Amino acid sequence: MKTHLARTHPDSKDHDIEFDEPSHRYAVRGESRNYISATTMLKSFYEPFDPDRVIRMYGGGWRADPNHRYHGMTADEIKAQWETKRNCEATLGTLMHERIEVFYNRTDHALDSRLTPDINEGDDRELSPELQQFNTFHSDNRIVPYRTELRIYDPETRVAGSVDLLAFGRDDDELVIYDWKRSARDLSSAASNYGRACAPPLTHLADTPHTRYALQQNLYAYILRKYYRKRISRMYLVRLSPTITNYELIPLPNLRSEIELVLTCRRNYLQRLRRVKGVCVTGVLLMSLLVAIRKNGVGLVLPSPDRR
């Protein structure tokens, strides 16, 4: 079902792309083969979280401190607690996104309207600080929405993603990207990278949450500029969290050169994949031919060499 903003500002590519929430997979014109989400593609440039390594590094200190929250817990118990918390945070983050999307797609939306939590709903009670922070953000910035949860794709590199909010900028043909983040982590450019850098060819970038989200939004901006003919002037993270007293509006840098490097890697990967598939197809055809020859008792006749 189309949202109010999708009906108001439709795009010819809207019907091309579909998203399956459980599998987190995109399909373009019914084809999901080789399409990858921007988030998944970019993960290959970051160091993955290794819970066993973290526990090996810090577990001794936790066990020695009777006041530590992990004191007396086994490694499996700690990992199970982390997984439960991760799932809970992901659920609340999804619900927060949904509430904001519904807010911006109200047909009676006005600049002075507010997102009012339903105190009778358990989820809204959990999200109350974040929703109040969102109201302050909306009041301070007076955003005029263009599209929410806009699904986009790059047909060449087969990368797809969803933009949280595209809003009108200072000029009529200018759009601004906003990305909602319900996070207790420092998302600013000053956050520590703990000595970690991104993988080649992005080793000049610190591996921080700020860098990761900046690359993701720059990738979306690239796709919107190249394939949707949109003029993207700015990109922001909007941090909403019960761990802070007010929202944080975090500007993101221009990383066009880095996105070109990332997409070059993606193109090279797809080319290698096509070559491997070509070899496999040729091999399958040859094997089928040999099987047919043996089955029918027919000899393989090779052409005579030219005796001229």
C-alpha atoms as a PDB file:
ATOM      1  CA  MET A   1       0.000   0.000   0.000  1.00  0.00           C
ATOM      2  CA  LYS A   2       1.420   3.379  -1.019  1.00  0.00           C
ATOM      3  CA  THR A   3       2.037   6.048   1.594  1.00  0.00           C
ATOM      4  CA  HIS A   4       0.689   9.570   1.297  1.00  0.00           C
ATOM      5  CA  LEU A   5       4.113  10.919   0.282  1.00  0.00           C
ATOM      6  CA  ALA A   6       4.616   8.128  -2.283  1.00  0.00           C
ATOM      7  CA  ARG A   7       1.340   9.151  -3.914  1.00  0.00           C
ATOM      8  CA  THR A   8       2.232  12.842  -3.735  1.00  0.00           C
ATOM      9  CA  HIS A   9       5.802  12.452  -5.062  1.00  0.00           C
ATOM     10  CA  PRO A  10       5.833   9.222  -7.105  1.00  0.00           C
ATOM     11  CA  ASP A  11       8.883   7.979  -9.002  1.00  0.00           C
ATOM     12  CA  SER A  12       8.825   5.842 -12.136  1.00  0.00           C
ATOM     13  CA  LYS A  13      11.121   3.300 -10.424  1.00  0.00           C
ATOM     14  CA  ASP A  14       8.839   2.788  -7.406  1.00  0.00           C
ATOM     15  CA  HIS A  15       7.222  -0.271  -8.994  1.00  0.00           C
ATOM     16  CA  ASP A  16      10.592  -1.845  -9.854  1.00  0.00           C
ATOM     17  CA  ILE A  17      11.808  -2.625  -6.360  1.00  0.00           C
ATOM     18  CA  GLU A  18      10.442  -4.774  -3.548  1.00  0.00           C
ATOM     19  CA  PHE A  19      11.820  -5.507  -0.090  1.00  0.00           C
ATOM     20  CA  ASP A  20      11.316  -8.696   1.917  1.00  0.00           C
ATOM     21  CA  GLU A  21      11.589  -7.743   5.590  1.00  0.00           C
ATOM     22  CA  PRO A  22      12.253 -11.214   7.122  1.00  0.00           C
ATOM     23  CA  SER A  23      15.156 -12.012   4.787  1.00  0.00           C
ATOM     24  CA  HIS A  24      16.227  -8.379   4.377  1.00  0.00           C
ATOM     25  CA  ARG A  25      16.529  -8.952   0.628  1.00  0.00           C
ATOM     26  CA  TYR A  26      15.674  -6.675  -2.256  1.00  0.00           C
ATOM     27  CA  ALA A  27      14.227  -7.750  -5.591  1.00  0.00           C
ATOM     28  CA  VAL A  28      14.220  -5.551  -8.692  1.00  0.00           C
ATOM     29  CA  ARG A  29      11.624  -6.342 -11.349  1.00  0.00           C
ATOM     30  CA  GLY A  30      11.087  -9.663  -9.635  1.00  0.00           C
ATOM     31  CA  GLU A  31      14.776 -10.613  -9.639  1.00  0.00           C
ATOM     32  CA  SER A  32      16.715 -10.850  -6.389  1.00  0.00           C
ATOM     33  CA  ARG A  33      19.737 -12.701  -7.827  1.00  0.00           C
ATOM     34  CA  ASN A  34      22.974 -10.836  -7.145  1.00  0.00           C
ATOM     35  CA  TYR A  35      21.153  -7.850  -5.611  1.00  0.00           C
ATOM     36  CA  ILE A  36      22.605  -6.880  -2.264  1.00  0.00           C
ATOM     37  CA  SER A  37      21.617  -4.317   0.344  1.00  0.00           C
ATOM     38  CA  ALA A  38      23.909  -1.336   0.816  1.00  0.00           C
ATOM     39  CA  THR A  39      24.328  -2.303   4.478  1.00  0.00           C
ATOM     40  CA  THR A  40      25.444  -5.843   3.641  1.00  0.00           C
ATOM     41  CA  MET A  41      27.819  -4.741   0.889  1.00  0.00           C
ATOM     42  CA  LEU A  42      29.540  -2.158   3.075  1.00  0.00           C
ATOM     43  CA  LYS A  43      30.029  -4.662   5.919  1.00  0.00           C
ATOM     44  CA  SER A  44      32.882  -6.230   3.954  1.00  0.00           C
ATOM     45  CA  PHE A  45      34.935  -3.069   4.586  1.00  0.00           C
ATOM     46  CA  TYR A  46      34.564  -3.202   8.389  1.00  0.00           C
ATOM     47  CA  GLU A  47      35.939  -5.409  11.123  1.00  0.00           C
ATOM     48  CA  PRO A  48      33.092  -7.687  12.283  1.00  0.00           C
ATOM     49  CA  PHE A  49      32.142  -7.823  15.947  1.00  0.00           C
ATOM     50  CA  ASP A  50      33.727 -10.891  17.548  1.00  0.00           C
ATOM     51  CA  PRO A  51      32.073 -11.610  20.923  1.00  0.00           C
ATOM     52  CA  ASP A  52      34.514 -14.394  21.799  1.00  0.00           C
ATOM     53  CA  ARG A  53      37.484 -12.090  21.245  1.00  0.00           C
ATOM     54  CA  VAL A  54      35.926  -9.368  23.414  1.00  0.00           C
ATOM     55  CA  ILE A  55      35.265 -11.840  26.227  1.00  0.00           C
ATOM     56  CA  ARG A  56      38.827 -13.180  25.996  1.00  0.00           C
ATOM     57  CA  MET A  57      40.192  -9.639  26.234  1.00  0.00           C
ATOM     58  CA  TYR A  58      38.026  -8.338  29.082  1.00  0.00           C
ATOM     59  CA  GLY A  59      36.531 -11.418  30.748  1.00  0.00           C
ATOM     60  CA  GLY A  60      39.317 -11.668  33.321  1.00  0.00           C
ATOM     61  CA  GLY A  61      38.590  -8.163  34.597  1.00  0.00           C
ATOM     62  CA  TRP A  62      34.869  -8.820  34.698  1.00  0.00           C
ATOM     63  CA  ARG A  63      35.336 -12.005  36.714  1.00  0.00           C
ATOM     64  CA  ALA A  64      37.664 -10.249  39.153  1.00  0.00           C
ATOM     65  CA  ASP A  65      35.230  -7.383  39.827  1.00  0.00           C
ATOM     66  CA  PRO A  66      32.330  -8.519  42.041  1.00  0.00           C
ATOM     67  CA  ASN A  67      30.438  -5.330  41.174  1.00  0.00           C
ATOM     68  CA  HIS A  68      30.634  -5.811  37.420  1.00  0.00           C
ATOM     69  CA  ARG A  69      27.377  -6.727  35.685  1.00  0.00           C
ATOM     70  CA  TYR A  70      29.030  -9.741  34.028  1.00  0.00           C
ATOM     71  CA  HIS A  71      30.649 -11.036  37.228  1.00  0.00           C
ATOM     72  CA  GLY A  72      29.882 -14.712  37.758  1.00  0.00           C
ATOM     73  CA  MET A  73      28.516 -15.210  34.240  1.00  0.00           C
ATOM     74  CA  THR A  74      29.850 -17.723  31.744  1.00  0.00           C
ATOM     75  CA  ALA A  75      30.889 -16.696  28.235  1.00  0.00           C
ATOM     76  CA  ASP A  76      27.757 -18.310  26.797  1.00  0.00           C
ATOM     77  CA  GLU A  77      25.533 -16.447  29.267  1.00  0.00           C
ATOM     78  CA  ILE A  78      27.178 -13.135  28.380  1.00  0.00           C
ATOM     79  CA  LYS A  79      26.757 -13.759  24.646  1.00  0.00           C
ATOM     80  CA  ALA A  80      23.121 -14.766  25.140  1.00  0.00           C
ATOM     81  CA  GLN A  81      22.497 -11.539  27.053  1.00  0.00           C
ATOM     82  CA  TRP A  82      24.126  -9.510  24.280  1.00  0.00           C
ATOM     83  CA  GLU A  83      21.977 -11.246  21.658  1.00  0.00           C
ATOM     84  CA  THR A  84      18.787 -10.593  23.638  1.00  0.00           C
ATOM     85  CA  LYS A  85      19.683  -6.934  24.051  1.00  0.00           C
ATOM     86  CA  ARG A  86      20.570  -6.607  20.365  1.00  0.00           C
ATOM     87  CA  ASN A  87      17.212  -8.046  19.323  1.00  0.00           C
ATOM     88  CA  CYS A  88      15.342  -5.790  21.750  1.00  0.00           C
ATOM     89  CA  GLU A  89      17.183  -2.688  20.524  1.00  0.00           C
ATOM     90  CA  ALA A  90      16.530  -3.650  16.897  1.00  0.00           C
ATOM     91  CA  THR A  91      12.807  -4.057  17.599  1.00  0.00           C
ATOM     92  CA  LEU A  92      12.554  -0.683  19.327  1.00  0.00           C
ATOM     93  CA  GLY A  93      14.545   0.944  16.522  1.00  0.00           C
ATOM     94  CA  THR A  94      12.154  -0.489  13.927  1.00  0.00           C
ATOM     95  CA  LEU A  95       9.128   0.707  15.903  1.00  0.00           C
ATOM     96  CA  MET A  96      10.616   4.193  16.211  1.00  0.00           C
ATOM     97  CA  HIS A  97      11.165   4.332  12.442  1.00  0.00           C
ATOM     98  CA  GLU A  98       7.579   3.223  11.863  1.00  0.00           C
ATOM     99  CA  ARG A  99       6.142   5.878  14.174  1.00  0.00           C
ATOM    100  CA  ILE A 100       8.138   8.620  12.440  1.00  0.00           C
ATOM    101  CA  GLU A 101       7.161   7.334   8.987  1.00  0.00           C
ATOM    102  CA  VAL A 102       3.463   7.378   9.916  1.00  0.00           C
ATOM    103  CA  PHE A 103       3.875  10.885  11.347  1.00  0.00           C
ATOM    104  CA  TYR A 104       5.330  12.326   8.141  1.00  0.00           C
ATOM    105  CA  ASN A 105       2.739  10.580   5.969  1.00  0.00           C
ATOM    106  CA  ARG A 106      -0.302  11.986   7.735  1.00  0.00           C
ATOM    107  CA  THR A 107      -2.541  13.767   5.241  1.00  0.00           C
ATOM    108  CA  ASP A 108      -3.181  16.486   7.832  1.00  0.00           C
ATOM    109  CA  HIS A 109       0.545  16.928   8.507  1.00  0.00           C
ATOM    110  CA  ALA A 110       1.537  20.434   9.556  1.00  0.00           C
ATOM    111  CA  LEU A 111       4.850  21.983  10.540  1.00  0.00           C
ATOM    112  CA  ASP A 112       3.652  22.521  14.108  1.00  0.00           C
ATOM    113  CA  SER A 113       2.218  18.998  14.532  1.00  0.00           C
ATOM    114  CA  ARG A 114       3.669  16.628  17.093  1.00  0.00           C
ATOM    115  CA  LEU A 115       4.225  12.909  17.462  1.00  0.00           C
ATOM    116  CA  THR A 116       2.324  12.065  20.652  1.00  0.00           C
ATOM    117  CA  PRO A 117       3.183   8.766  22.351  1.00  0.00           C
ATOM    118  CA  ASP A 118       0.225   6.600  23.323  1.00  0.00           C
ATOM    119  CA  ILE A 119       0.814   6.065  27.046  1.00  0.00           C
ATOM    120  CA  ASN A 120      -1.471   3.025  26.948  1.00  0.00           C
ATOM    121  CA  GLU A 121       0.814   1.258  24.477  1.00  0.00           C
ATOM    122  CA  GLY A 122       3.779  -0.593  25.964  1.00  0.00           C
ATOM    123  CA  ASP A 123       5.996   0.091  22.939  1.00  0.00           C
ATOM    124  CA  ASP A 124       5.276   3.814  23.094  1.00  0.00           C
ATOM    125  CA  ARG A 125       6.065   3.887  26.808  1.00  0.00           C
ATOM    126  CA  GLU A 126       9.441   2.348  25.965  1.00  0.00           C
ATOM    127  CA  LEU A 127      10.003   4.910  23.196  1.00  0.00           C
ATOM    128  CA  SER A 128       8.673   7.958  25.031  1.00  0.00           C
ATOM    129  CA  PRO A 129      12.065   9.750  25.439  1.00  0.00           C
ATOM    130  CA  GLU A 130      12.964   9.202  21.776  1.00  0.00           C
ATOM    131  CA  LEU A 131       9.589  10.391  20.499  1.00  0.00           C
ATOM    132  CA  GLN A 132       9.795  13.509  22.658  1.00  0.00           C
ATOM    133  CA  GLN A 133      13.276  14.165  21.284  1.00  0.00           C
ATOM    134  CA  PHE A 134      11.885  13.751  17.777  1.00  0.00           C
ATOM    135  CA  ASN A 135       9.207  16.356  18.512  1.00  0.00           C
ATOM    136  CA  THR A 136      11.918  18.798  19.578  1.00  0.00           C
ATOM    137  CA  PHE A 137      13.923  18.017  16.445  1.00  0.00           C
ATOM    138  CA  HIS A 138      10.878  18.551  14.228  1.00  0.00           C
ATOM    139  CA  SER A 139      10.006  21.814  15.977  1.00  0.00           C
ATOM    140  CA  ASP A 140      13.576  23.101  15.690  1.00  0.00           C
ATOM    141  CA  ASN A 141      14.100  22.173  12.034  1.00  0.00           C
ATOM    142  CA  ARG A 142      10.663  22.584  10.427  1.00  0.00           C
ATOM    143  CA  ILE A 143      11.234  19.818   7.923  1.00  0.00           C
ATOM    144  CA  VAL A 144       9.026  19.530   4.847  1.00  0.00           C
ATOM    145  CA  PRO A 145       9.063  15.825   3.892  1.00  0.00           C
ATOM    146  CA  TYR A 146       9.450  14.604   0.315  1.00  0.00           C
ATOM    147  CA  ARG A 147       9.537  10.793   0.742  1.00  0.00           C
ATOM    148  CA  THR A 148       9.934   8.342   3.625  1.00  0.00           C
ATOM    149  CA  GLU A 149      11.494   4.865   3.421  1.00  0.00           C
ATOM    150  CA  LEU A 150      12.251   5.404  -0.257  1.00  0.00           C
ATOM    151  CA  ARG A 151      13.575   2.173  -1.777  1.00  0.00           C
ATOM    152  CA  ILE A 152      16.260   2.775  -4.386  1.00  0.00           C
ATOM    153  CA  TYR A 153      18.643   0.675  -6.466  1.00  0.00           C
ATOM    154  CA  ASP A 154      21.676   0.825  -8.731  1.00  0.00           C
ATOM    155  CA  PRO A 155      21.042  -1.419 -11.775  1.00  0.00           C
ATOM    156  CA  GLU A 156      24.740  -1.583 -12.689  1.00  0.00           C
ATOM    157  CA  THR A 157      26.219  -2.694  -9.377  1.00  0.00           C
ATOM    158  CA  ARG A 158      22.993  -4.308  -8.134  1.00  0.00           C
ATOM    159  CA  VAL A 159      22.999  -2.469  -4.823  1.00  0.00           C
ATOM    160  CA  ALA A 160      19.732  -1.469  -3.153  1.00  0.00           C
ATOM    161  CA  GLY A 161      18.650   0.315   0.007  1.00  0.00           C
ATOM    162  CA  SER A 162      16.023   2.398   1.790  1.00  0.00           C
ATOM    163  CA  VAL A 163      16.350   6.102   2.610  1.00  0.00           C
ATOM    164  CA  ASP A 164      14.721   6.971   5.951  1.00  0.00           C
ATOM    165  CA  LEU A 165      13.677  10.483   4.966  1.00  0.00           C
ATOM    166  CA  LEU A 166      14.178  12.705   1.949  1.00  0.00           C
ATOM    167  CA  ALA A 167      13.145  16.266   2.742  1.00  0.00           C
ATOM    168  CA  PHE A 168      13.002  19.473   0.748  1.00  0.00           C
ATOM    169  CA  GLY A 169      16.062  21.692   1.099  1.00  0.00           C
ATOM    170  CA  ARG A 170      16.487  25.436   0.829  1.00  0.00           C
ATOM    171  CA  ASP A 171      15.775  25.381  -2.916  1.00  0.00           C
ATOM    172  CA  ASP A 172      12.837  23.646  -4.571  1.00  0.00           C
ATOM    173  CA  ASP A 173      15.051  21.192  -6.481  1.00  0.00           C
ATOM    174  CA  GLU A 174      17.281  20.429  -3.492  1.00  0.00           C
ATOM    175  CA  LEU A 175      16.788  17.402  -1.244  1.00  0.00           C
ATOM    176  CA  VAL A 176      18.309  16.494   2.118  1.00  0.00           C
ATOM    177  CA  ILE A 177      18.802  12.979   3.516  1.00  0.00           C
ATOM    178  CA  TYR A 178      17.971  12.250   7.163  1.00  0.00           C
ATOM    179  CA  ASP A 179      18.773   8.924   8.813  1.00  0.00           C
ATOM    180  CA  TRP A 180      17.138   8.095  12.172  1.00  0.00           C
ATOM    181  CA  LYS A 181      19.399   6.346  14.677  1.00  0.00           C
ATOM    182  CA  ARG A 182      18.223   5.011  18.012  1.00  0.00           C
ATOM    183  CA  SER A 183      21.664   4.453  19.487  1.00  0.00           C
ATOM    184  CA  ALA A 184      23.476   4.742  22.797  1.00  0.00           C
ATOM    185  CA  ARG A 185      26.829   4.975  20.981  1.00  0.00           C
ATOM    186  CA  ASP A 186      28.713   8.121  20.088  1.00  0.00           C
ATOM    187  CA  LEU A 187      27.874   8.742  16.422  1.00  0.00           C
ATOM    188  CA  SER A 188      29.892  11.921  16.041  1.00  0.00           C
ATOM    189  CA  SER A 189      33.004  12.281  13.915  1.00  0.00           C
ATOM    190  CA  ALA A 190      35.016  12.565  17.151  1.00  0.00           C
ATOM    191  CA  ALA A 191      34.181   9.017  18.297  1.00  0.00           C
ATOM    192  CA  SER A 192      37.177   6.776  18.981  1.00  0.00           C
ATOM    193  CA  ASN A 193      38.007   4.072  16.460  1.00  0.00           C
ATOM    194  CA  TYR A 194      40.026   2.091  19.051  1.00  0.00           C
ATOM    195  CA  GLY A 195      42.822   1.719  16.514  1.00  0.00           C
ATOM    196  CA  ARG A 196      40.604   0.220  13.818  1.00  0.00           C
ATOM    197  CA  ALA A 197      40.596   1.286  10.164  1.00  0.00           C
ATOM    198  CA  CYS A 198      38.355   0.244   7.299  1.00  0.00           C
ATOM    199  CA  ALA A 199      39.534  -2.466   4.913  1.00  0.00           C
ATOM    200  CA  PRO A 200      41.266  -1.638   1.584  1.00  0.00           C
ATOM    201  CA  PRO A 201      40.785   0.512  -0.384  1.00  0.00           C
ATOM    202  CA  LEU A 202      39.353   2.554   2.531  1.00  0.00           C
ATOM    203  CA  THR A 203      42.228   2.193   4.988  1.00  0.00           C
ATOM    204  CA  HIS A 204      42.472   5.981   5.258  1.00  0.00           C
ATOM    205  CA  LEU A 205      39.083   5.996   7.028  1.00  0.00           C
ATOM    206  CA  ALA A 206      38.668   5.230  10.728  1.00  0.00           C
ATOM    207  CA  ASP A 207      36.290   2.347  11.392  1.00  0.00           C
ATOM    208  CA  THR A 208      33.711   4.131  13.558  1.00  0.00           C
ATOM    209  CA  PRO A 209      29.897   4.212  13.578  1.00  0.00           C
ATOM    210  CA  HIS A 210      30.114   7.715  12.088  1.00  0.00           C
ATOM    211  CA  THR A 211      32.184   6.474   9.149  1.00  0.00           C
ATOM    212  CA  ARG A 212      29.927   3.482   8.553  1.00  0.00           C
ATOM    213  CA  TYR A 213      26.753   5.551   8.447  1.00  0.00           C
ATOM    214  CA  ALA A 214      28.442   8.269   6.390  1.00  0.00           C
ATOM    215  CA  LEU A 215      29.420   5.711   3.735  1.00  0.00           C
ATOM    216  CA  GLN A 216      25.899   4.293   3.672  1.00  0.00           C
ATOM    217  CA  GLN A 217      24.229   7.681   3.206  1.00  0.00           C
ATOM    218  CA  ASN A 218      26.818   8.754   0.621  1.00  0.00           C
ATOM    219  CA  LEU A 219      26.052   5.564  -1.307  1.00  0.00           C
ATOM    220  CA  TYR A 220      22.356   6.454  -1.244  1.00  0.00           C
ATOM    221  CA  ALA A 221      23.170   9.986  -2.393  1.00  0.00           C
ATOM    222  CA  TYR A 222      25.239   8.560  -5.279  1.00  0.00           C
ATOM    223  CA  ILE A 223      22.352   6.343  -6.426  1.00  0.00           C
ATOM    224  CA  LEU A 224      19.821   9.167  -6.100  1.00  0.00           C
ATOM    225  CA  ARG A 225      21.993  11.547  -8.112  1.00  0.00           C
ATOM    226  CA  LYS A 226      22.933   9.097 -10.872  1.00  0.00           C
ATOM    227  CA  TYR A 227      19.774   7.057 -11.381  1.00  0.00           C
ATOM    228  CA  TYR A 228      16.995   9.202  -9.901  1.00  0.00           C
ATOM    229  CA  ARG A 229      18.253  12.607 -11.057  1.00  0.00           C
ATOM    230  CA  LYS A 230      17.938  14.074  -7.564  1.00  0.00           C
ATOM    231  CA  ARG A 231      20.028  16.947  -6.266  1.00  0.00           C
ATOM    232  CA  ILE A 232      21.243  15.904  -2.811  1.00  0.00           C
ATOM    233  CA  SER A 233      22.779  18.830  -0.964  1.00  0.00           C
ATOM    234  CA  ARG A 234      23.253  17.541   2.590  1.00  0.00           C
ATOM    235  CA  MET A 235      23.091  14.382   4.709  1.00  0.00           C
ATOM    236  CA  TYR A 236      22.426  14.026   8.434  1.00  0.00           C
ATOM    237  CA  LEU A 237      22.162  11.451  11.176  1.00  0.00           C
ATOM    238  CA  VAL A 238      19.484  12.187  13.761  1.00  0.00           C
ATOM    239  CA  ARG A 239      20.359  10.443  17.006  1.00  0.00           C
ATOM    240  CA  LEU A 240      17.423   9.725  19.318  1.00  0.00           C
ATOM    241  CA  SER A 241      18.115   7.771  22.484  1.00  0.00           C
ATOM    242  CA  PRO A 242      16.972   7.407  26.110  1.00  0.00           C
ATOM    243  CA  THR A 243      20.644   7.742  27.084  1.00  0.00           C
ATOM    244  CA  ILE A 244      20.792  11.431  26.042  1.00  0.00           C
ATOM    245  CA  THR A 245      18.731  14.446  27.114  1.00  0.00           C
ATOM    246  CA  ASN A 246      18.132  15.866  23.642  1.00  0.00           C
ATOM    247  CA  TYR A 247      18.406  14.775  20.021  1.00  0.00           C
ATOM    248  CA  GLU A 248      21.701  15.121  18.141  1.00  0.00           C
ATOM    249  CA  LEU A 249      21.758  16.356  14.546  1.00  0.00           C
ATOM    250  CA  ILE A 250      25.029  15.086  13.067  1.00  0.00           C
ATOM    251  CA  PRO A 251      26.164  16.330   9.633  1.00  0.00           C
ATOM    252  CA  LEU A 252      27.846  13.789   7.377  1.00  0.00           C
ATOM    253  CA  PRO A 253      30.862  14.469   5.133  1.00  0.00           C
ATOM    254  CA  ASN A 254      31.014  14.174   1.371  1.00  0.00           C
ATOM    255  CA  LEU A 255      32.604  10.798   0.561  1.00  0.00           C
ATOM    256  CA  ARG A 256      32.002  10.630  -3.195  1.00  0.00           C
ATOM    257  CA  SER A 257      35.565   9.502  -3.933  1.00  0.00           C
ATOM    258  CA  GLU A 258      35.296   6.693  -1.397  1.00  0.00           C
ATOM    259  CA  ILE A 259      31.971   5.553  -2.858  1.00  0.00           C
ATOM    260  CA  GLU A 260      33.606   5.344  -6.299  1.00  0.00           C
ATOM    261  CA  LEU A 261      36.270   3.074  -4.777  1.00  0.00           C
ATOM    262  CA  VAL A 262      33.635   0.901  -3.116  1.00  0.00           C
ATOM    263  CA  LEU A 263      31.611   0.552  -6.309  1.00  0.00           C
ATOM    264  CA  THR A 264      34.727  -0.259  -8.332  1.00  0.00           C
ATOM    265  CA  CYS A 265      35.280  -3.192  -5.965  1.00  0.00           C
ATOM    266  CA  ARG A 266      31.663  -4.221  -6.460  1.00  0.00           C
ATOM    267  CA  ARG A 267      31.934  -4.032 -10.268  1.00  0.00           C
ATOM    268  CA  ASN A 268      35.111  -6.125 -10.211  1.00  0.00           C
ATOM    269  CA  TYR A 269      33.373  -8.721  -8.046  1.00  0.00           C
ATOM    270  CA  LEU A 270      30.408  -8.963 -10.434  1.00  0.00           C
ATOM    271  CA  GLN A 271      32.766  -9.311 -13.414  1.00  0.00           C
ATOM    272  CA  ARG A 272      34.611 -12.188 -11.717  1.00  0.00           C
ATOM    273  CA  LEU A 273      31.279 -13.789 -10.873  1.00  0.00           C
ATOM    274  CA  ARG A 274      30.161 -13.608 -14.501  1.00  0.00           C
ATOM    275  CA  ARG A 275      33.444 -15.151 -15.693  1.00  0.00           C
ATOM    276  CA  VAL A 276      33.152 -18.023 -13.209  1.00  0.00           C
ATOM    277  CA  LYS A 277      29.549 -18.638 -14.228  1.00  0.00           C
ATOM    278  CA  GLY A 278      30.585 -18.624 -17.892  1.00  0.00           C
ATOM    279  CA  VAL A 279      33.221 -21.277 -17.227  1.00  0.00           C
ATOM    280  CA  CYS A 280      30.731 -23.354 -15.224  1.00  0.00           C
ATOM    281  CA  VAL A 281      28.096 -23.166 -17.966  1.00  0.00           C
ATOM    282  CA  THR A 282      30.650 -24.186 -20.601  1.00  0.00           C
ATOM    283  CA  GLY A 283      31.742 -27.102 -18.430  1.00  0.00           C
ATOM    284  CA  VAL A 284      28.170 -28.262 -17.872  1.00  0.00           C
ATOM    285  CA  LEU A 285      27.420 -28.144 -21.612  1.00  0.00           C
ATOM    286  CA  LEU A 286      30.581 -30.104 -22.423  1.00  0.00           C
ATOM    287  CA  MET A 287      29.782 -32.749 -19.805  1.00  0.00           C
ATOM    288  CA  SER A 288      26.226 -33.056 -21.162  1.00  0.00           C
ATOM    289  CA  LEU A 289      27.623 -33.559 -24.668  1.00  0.00           C
ATOM    290  CA  LEU A 290      30.052 -36.263 -23.510  1.00  0.00           C
ATOM    291  CA  VAL A 291      27.298 -38.066 -21.589  1.00  0.00           C
ATOM    292  CA  ALA A 292      25.056 -38.007 -24.680  1.00  0.00           C
ATOM    293  CA  ILE A 293      27.895 -39.349 -26.863  1.00  0.00           C
ATOM    294  CA  ARG A 294      28.615 -42.235 -24.483  1.00  0.00           C
ATOM    295  CA  LYS A 295      24.929 -43.027 -24.082  1.00  0.00           C
ATOM    296  CA  ASN A 296      24.336 -43.234 -27.830  1.00  0.00           C
ATOM    297  CA  GLY A 297      27.617 -44.955 -28.648  1.00  0.00           C
ATOM    298  CA  VAL A 298      28.653 -42.226 -31.053  1.00  0.00           C
ATOM    299  CA  GLY A 299      32.305 -41.365 -31.472  1.00  0.00           C
ATOM    300  CA  LEU A 300      33.469 -37.808 -31.150  1.00  0.00           C
ATOM    301  CA  VAL A 301      34.594 -36.827 -34.670  1.00  0.00           C
ATOM    302  CA  LEU A 302      37.041 -33.965 -34.843  1.00  0.00           C
ATOM    303  CA  PRO A 303      37.485 -31.973 -38.063  1.00  0.00           C
ATOM    304  CA  SER A 304      40.507 -32.935 -40.162  1.00  0.00           C
ATOM    305  CA  PRO A 305      43.341 -30.438 -40.191  1.00  0.00           C
ATOM    306  CA  ASP A 306      43.744 -28.370 -43.329  1.00  0.00           C
ATOM    307  CA  ARG A 307      46.406 -30.127 -45.436  1.00  0.00           C
ATOM    308  CA  ARG A 308      47.059 -27.212 -47.743  1.00  0.00           C
END
